[in-house]
Amino acid sequence: MAKTTASESDETRLKKKVAEKLTGQKDSQGNEALRSLKKRLKRTQRKRRVVMLRKKNSASKKVAAKK
């Protein structure tokens, strides 16, 4: 089973799904599918932020080491 490269990231795909589920919804509290989609979206956003911070911190350490 080969990995397929997506034209859009997981985050944008999840954002679209959440927005799609929200349209026509009166009460989003009771919808478990929507809740799980939101949780997955938050998880992917958190992962992206962590990776960005890790890259930023390692880059600054490399610059300081070269001086």
Protein backbone atom coordinates (compact mmCIF):
# COMPACT_ATOMS: atom_id res chain seq x y z
CA MET A 1 0.00 0.00 0.00
CA ALA A 2 1.81 3.08 -1.26
CA LYS A 3 1.38 6.52 0.16
CA THR A 4 -0.35 8.98 -2.10
CA THR A 5 0.68 12.59 -2.13
CA ALA A 6 -2.29 14.79 -1.46
CA SER A 7 -2.77 18.03 -3.34
CA GLU A 8 -4.05 19.56 -0.11
CA SER A 9 -2.82 19.06 3.42
CA ASP A 10 -4.71 17.15 6.09
CA GLU A 11 -5.36 20.40 7.90
CA THR A 12 -7.11 22.07 4.96
CA ARG A 13 -9.09 18.93 4.22
CA LEU A 14 -10.26 18.72 7.83
CA LYS A 15 -11.15 22.43 7.83
CA LYS A 16 -13.33 21.87 4.76
CA LYS A 17 -15.04 18.87 6.37
CA VAL A 18 -15.75 20.79 9.58
CA ALA A 19 -17.15 23.75 7.65
CA GLU A 20 -19.28 21.40 5.57
CA LYS A 21 -20.69 19.69 8.65
CA LEU A 22 -21.39 23.03 10.34
CA THR A 23 -23.57 24.30 7.49
CA GLY A 24 -27.18 23.54 8.22
CA GLN A 25 -26.45 22.54 11.81
CA LYS A 26 -28.34 24.14 14.65
CA ASP A 27 -26.77 22.29 17.55
CA SER A 28 -23.12 21.30 17.10
CA GLN A 29 -22.81 20.03 20.67
CA GLY A 30 -24.66 16.76 20.12
CA ASN A 31 -22.98 15.78 16.88
CA GLU A 32 -20.24 13.26 17.72
CA ALA A 33 -18.89 13.07 14.17
CA LEU A 34 -18.37 16.83 14.11
CA ARG A 35 -16.74 16.71 17.54
CA SER A 36 -14.27 14.06 16.42
CA LEU A 37 -13.47 16.04 13.25
CA LYS A 38 -12.75 19.12 15.35
CA LYS A 39 -10.49 17.07 17.63
CA ARG A 40 -8.55 15.71 14.64
CA LEU A 41 -8.20 19.22 13.24
CA LYS A 42 -6.86 20.53 16.56
CA ARG A 43 -4.41 17.62 16.71
CA THR A 44 -3.03 18.31 13.23
CA GLN A 45 -2.75 22.04 13.98
CA ARG A 46 -0.87 21.26 17.19
CA LYS A 47 1.51 18.92 15.33
CA ARG A 48 2.20 21.60 12.71
CA ARG A 49 2.94 24.23 15.36
CA VAL A 50 5.27 21.87 17.23
CA VAL A 51 7.22 21.05 14.07
CA MET A 52 7.56 24.75 13.22
CA LEU A 53 8.83 25.56 16.71
CA ARG A 54 11.28 22.66 16.60
CA LYS A 55 12.68 23.86 13.25
CA LYS A 56 12.90 27.44 14.47
CA ASN A 57 14.75 26.48 17.63
CA SER A 58 17.19 24.17 15.86
CA ALA A 59 17.96 26.81 13.24
CA SER A 60 18.83 29.40 15.86
CA LYS A 61 21.12 26.93 17.62
CA LYS A 62 22.92 26.16 14.35
CA VAL A 63 23.52 29.87 13.68
CA ALA A 64 24.84 30.37 17.22
CA ALA A 65 27.17 27.38 16.85
CA LYS A 66 28.70 28.74 13.61
CA LYS A 67 29.70 32.07 15.16
